[in-house]
Amino acid sequence: MKLRKLLGLSFILLAVTGCAVGNQYDYRSASVALPLAGTGELGIGVIDNRSYVLSGDKEPNFIGLQRGGYGNPFNVTTASGNSLTQDMSESLENALRNSGYTVTGLQIVSADPAAVTSAIAQSGVAKNIVLTVTEWKTDIYMNMTLHFDLLLEVVTKQGDTVASNQMQGEEKIGGGAFEGQNSRTAAAAFETKIGRLFNDPEILGALAN
């Protein structure tokens, strides 16, 4: 009887660990509904400012952790193979186009103000949206926890920030499930956070002018 229980526990641990390996989420599938509409041209850039990516400890396509039966962590990456910020940028560009805007992607290489100003100057777009991702990571064991630190800015062609809104924290966003459901939960959390960042009087006012 003891042997049977031990074997059963071993099979469960193997199954949990197996489900933890090689997980991928698709943030490109996020359907962001923005609380604004317009017809002008906007530049959009997303900056990866996560410390563990900048240090080289994690690859740019790292998006979180899935833990095995003993709590041991395995990396979760983007389904596209692209960086997290590329996927986020694609989702944001689609959302802005759906809101009526003409969108130009900005190639911003770092959060350094000089790099932001340079990328905007090269694009020549008068009004720009810059999203700096200082933290975005899901962590799953029994539940899915999201760690986030996002800064949304509206920046002029001269590189001046005319509006900003920041959101940071740590929260449970769902129970641990299979890869497909976890991916949808993570994408839904991104939709919610981005919608709230835009739904700010200062941001809306700057984009309306």
Protein backbone atom coordinates (compact mmCIF):
# COMPACT_ATOMS: atom_id res chain seq x y z
CA MET A 1 0.00 0.00 0.00
CA LYS A 2 2.81 2.40 0.88
CA LEU A 3 4.58 1.57 -2.38
CA ARG A 4 1.39 2.26 -4.33
CA LYS A 5 0.99 5.65 -2.63
CA LEU A 6 4.60 6.55 -3.29
CA LEU A 7 4.25 5.60 -6.95
CA GLY A 8 1.06 7.64 -7.22
CA LEU A 9 2.75 10.68 -5.69
CA SER A 10 5.71 10.26 -8.03
CA PHE A 11 3.44 10.20 -11.08
CA ILE A 12 1.68 13.39 -9.88
CA LEU A 13 4.98 15.18 -9.34
CA LEU A 14 6.21 14.10 -12.77
CA ALA A 15 3.00 15.35 -14.36
CA VAL A 16 3.21 18.72 -12.62
CA THR A 17 6.88 19.10 -13.51
CA GLY A 18 6.21 18.08 -17.11
CA CYS A 19 3.51 20.75 -17.39
CA ALA A 20 5.99 23.29 -16.04
CA VAL A 21 8.60 22.82 -18.75
CA GLY A 22 8.62 24.78 -22.00
CA ASN A 23 5.53 26.92 -21.42
CA GLN A 24 4.88 29.82 -23.80
CA TYR A 25 2.34 32.65 -23.67
CA ASP A 26 1.05 34.80 -26.51
CA TYR A 27 0.69 38.50 -25.65
CA ARG A 28 0.05 39.27 -29.33
CA SER A 29 -3.41 37.76 -28.84
CA ALA A 30 -4.29 40.40 -26.21
CA SER A 31 -7.34 42.38 -27.30
CA VAL A 32 -6.76 45.77 -25.69
CA ALA A 33 -9.81 48.04 -25.66
CA LEU A 34 -8.59 51.62 -25.31
CA PRO A 35 -10.84 54.33 -23.80
CA LEU A 36 -10.07 56.80 -26.60
CA ALA A 37 -10.50 57.36 -30.32
CA GLY A 38 -8.82 59.61 -32.83
CA THR A 39 -7.57 60.03 -36.38
CA GLY A 40 -4.10 61.49 -35.90
CA GLU A 41 -0.67 59.90 -36.11
CA LEU A 42 0.93 58.42 -33.02
CA GLY A 43 4.36 56.97 -32.45
CA ILE A 44 4.48 53.93 -30.15
CA GLY A 45 7.49 52.45 -28.41
CA VAL A 46 7.82 49.82 -25.68
CA ILE A 47 11.03 49.68 -23.66
CA ASP A 48 12.28 46.61 -21.79
CA ASN A 49 13.74 48.01 -18.57
CA ARG A 50 13.61 44.76 -16.55
CA SER A 51 16.80 44.48 -14.51
CA TYR A 52 17.30 40.75 -15.12
CA VAL A 53 17.04 41.25 -18.89
CA LEU A 54 19.41 44.23 -18.90
CA SER A 55 21.94 42.21 -16.88
CA GLY A 56 21.69 39.26 -19.27
CA ASP A 57 20.38 36.92 -16.58
CA LYS A 58 17.18 36.40 -18.63
CA GLU A 59 16.55 36.58 -22.35
CA PRO A 60 14.27 39.34 -23.74
CA ASN A 61 11.60 36.71 -24.52
CA PHE A 62 11.37 35.72 -20.83
CA ILE A 63 7.91 36.43 -19.42
CA GLY A 64 7.65 34.45 -16.21
CA LEU A 65 8.09 31.29 -14.21
CA GLN A 66 6.16 28.02 -14.02
CA ARG A 67 7.05 25.95 -10.98
CA GLY A 68 7.26 22.18 -10.83
CA GLY A 69 6.11 19.81 -8.13
CA TYR A 70 8.85 20.82 -5.71
CA GLY A 71 8.49 24.53 -6.45
CA ASN A 72 11.49 24.49 -8.78
CA PRO A 73 11.16 27.26 -11.42
CA PHE A 74 11.15 26.86 -15.20
CA ASN A 75 11.22 29.80 -17.59
CA VAL A 76 8.12 30.79 -19.54
CA THR A 77 8.80 32.53 -22.85
CA THR A 78 6.87 34.23 -25.64
CA ALA A 79 5.07 31.99 -28.12
CA SER A 80 6.39 34.14 -30.97
CA GLY A 81 10.01 33.81 -29.93
CA ASN A 82 10.22 37.59 -30.07
CA SER A 83 10.98 39.77 -27.07
CA LEU A 84 8.17 40.51 -24.63
CA THR A 85 8.27 44.19 -25.59
CA GLN A 86 7.92 43.36 -29.30
CA ASP A 87 4.77 41.36 -28.57
CA MET A 88 3.42 44.11 -26.32
CA SER A 89 4.18 46.71 -28.98
CA GLU A 90 2.35 44.68 -31.63
CA SER A 91 -0.70 44.39 -29.39
CA LEU A 92 -0.65 48.12 -28.60
CA GLU A 93 -0.24 49.10 -32.26
CA ASN A 94 -3.29 47.00 -33.16
CA ALA A 95 -5.30 48.59 -30.35
CA LEU A 96 -4.41 52.12 -31.45
CA ARG A 97 -5.26 51.35 -35.09
CA ASN A 98 -8.60 49.94 -33.94
CA SER A 99 -9.16 53.27 -32.17
CA GLY A 100 -8.67 55.12 -35.45
CA TYR A 101 -5.05 56.25 -35.24
CA THR A 102 -2.25 55.95 -37.76
CA VAL A 103 0.60 54.26 -35.93
CA THR A 104 4.37 54.45 -36.35
CA GLY A 105 6.58 52.06 -34.40
CA LEU A 106 9.51 53.59 -32.51
CA GLN A 107 12.80 51.72 -32.22
CA ILE A 108 13.81 52.72 -28.69
CA VAL A 109 16.87 50.82 -27.47
CA SER A 110 16.80 51.81 -23.79
CA ALA A 111 14.98 53.85 -21.16
CA ASP A 112 17.71 56.49 -21.24
CA PRO A 113 16.05 59.84 -22.09
CA ALA A 114 18.60 60.49 -24.84
CA ALA A 115 17.71 57.18 -26.52
CA VAL A 116 13.99 57.96 -26.31
CA THR A 117 14.47 61.47 -27.73
CA SER A 118 16.68 60.14 -30.55
CA ALA A 119 14.17 57.48 -31.61
CA ILE A 120 11.31 60.00 -31.60
CA ALA A 121 13.36 62.53 -33.57
CA GLN A 122 14.14 59.91 -36.21
CA SER A 123 10.45 59.08 -36.60
CA GLY A 124 9.40 62.71 -36.90
CA VAL A 125 6.03 62.00 -35.27
CA ALA A 126 4.66 64.92 -33.23
CA LYS A 127 2.91 62.89 -30.54
CA ASN A 128 4.24 59.63 -29.12
CA ILE A 129 3.31 56.97 -26.59
CA VAL A 130 6.17 55.34 -24.68
CA LEU A 131 5.57 52.34 -22.41
CA THR A 132 8.47 51.44 -20.11
CA VAL A 133 8.32 47.92 -18.70
CA THR A 134 10.42 47.88 -15.52
CA GLU A 135 8.73 44.67 -14.38
CA TRP A 136 6.37 42.19 -15.99
CA LYS A 137 6.54 38.61 -14.84
CA THR A 138 4.05 35.89 -14.02
CA ASP A 139 4.89 33.25 -11.42
CA ILE A 140 2.81 30.08 -11.19
CA TYR A 141 2.74 27.35 -8.59
CA MET A 142 -0.70 26.75 -7.12
CA ASN A 143 -1.83 30.19 -8.30
CA MET A 144 -0.71 32.68 -10.94
CA THR A 145 0.84 35.86 -9.52
CA LEU A 146 1.67 38.88 -11.65
CA HIS A 147 4.55 41.21 -10.78
CA PHE A 148 4.33 44.46 -12.73
CA ASP A 149 5.76 47.95 -13.00
CA LEU A 150 4.61 49.91 -16.05
CA LEU A 151 5.07 53.56 -16.95
CA LEU A 152 3.02 55.09 -19.77
CA GLU A 153 4.12 58.48 -21.13
CA VAL A 154 2.94 60.83 -23.86
CA VAL A 155 6.02 62.46 -25.36
CA THR A 156 6.34 65.31 -27.87
CA LYS A 157 8.57 65.37 -30.96
CA GLN A 158 11.08 67.39 -28.93
CA GLY A 159 11.28 64.64 -26.30
CA ASP A 160 9.23 66.41 -23.62
CA THR A 161 6.92 64.28 -21.47
CA VAL A 162 3.51 65.99 -21.30
CA ALA A 163 1.61 63.24 -19.44
CA SER A 164 2.43 60.07 -17.53
CA ASN A 165 0.76 57.32 -15.55
CA GLN A 166 2.50 54.55 -13.60
CA MET A 167 1.17 51.29 -12.24
CA GLN A 168 3.10 48.81 -10.14
CA GLY A 169 2.39 45.96 -7.76
CA GLU A 170 1.98 42.25 -7.23
CA GLU A 171 -1.34 40.43 -7.40
CA LYS A 172 -2.93 37.06 -7.85
CA ILE A 173 -4.62 36.93 -11.26
CA GLY A 174 -5.79 33.31 -11.38
CA GLY A 175 -5.29 29.73 -10.36
CA GLY A 176 -2.55 27.64 -11.92
CA ALA A 177 -3.96 25.82 -14.97
CA PHE A 178 -2.73 24.35 -18.23
CA GLU A 179 -0.59 26.32 -20.66
CA GLY A 180 -3.39 27.57 -22.93
CA GLN A 181 -5.49 28.91 -20.06
CA ASN A 182 -2.46 30.43 -18.36
CA SER A 183 -1.60 32.23 -21.60
CA ARG A 184 -5.12 33.66 -21.84
CA THR A 185 -5.03 34.74 -18.18
CA ALA A 186 -1.72 36.56 -18.68
CA ALA A 187 -2.95 38.26 -21.87
CA ALA A 188 -6.16 39.34 -20.11
CA ALA A 189 -4.10 40.88 -17.28
CA PHE A 190 -2.12 42.86 -19.87
CA GLU A 191 -5.37 44.08 -21.45
CA THR A 192 -6.62 45.28 -18.06
CA LYS A 193 -3.41 47.03 -17.02
CA ILE A 194 -2.99 48.83 -20.34
CA GLY A 195 -6.63 49.94 -20.34
CA ARG A 196 -6.23 51.42 -16.86
CA LEU A 197 -2.99 53.19 -17.78
CA PHE A 198 -4.70 54.93 -20.69
CA ASN A 199 -7.86 55.65 -18.73
CA ASP A 200 -6.27 58.57 -16.88
CA PRO A 201 -7.35 62.21 -17.27
CA GLU A 202 -3.80 63.42 -17.88
CA ILE A 203 -3.10 60.79 -20.56
CA LEU A 204 -6.47 61.25 -22.26
CA GLY A 205 -6.09 65.02 -22.22
CA ALA A 206 -2.63 64.90 -23.79
CA LEU A 207 -3.79 62.59 -26.56
CA ALA A 208 -6.89 64.69 -27.24
CA ASN A 209 -4.98 67.95 -27.82
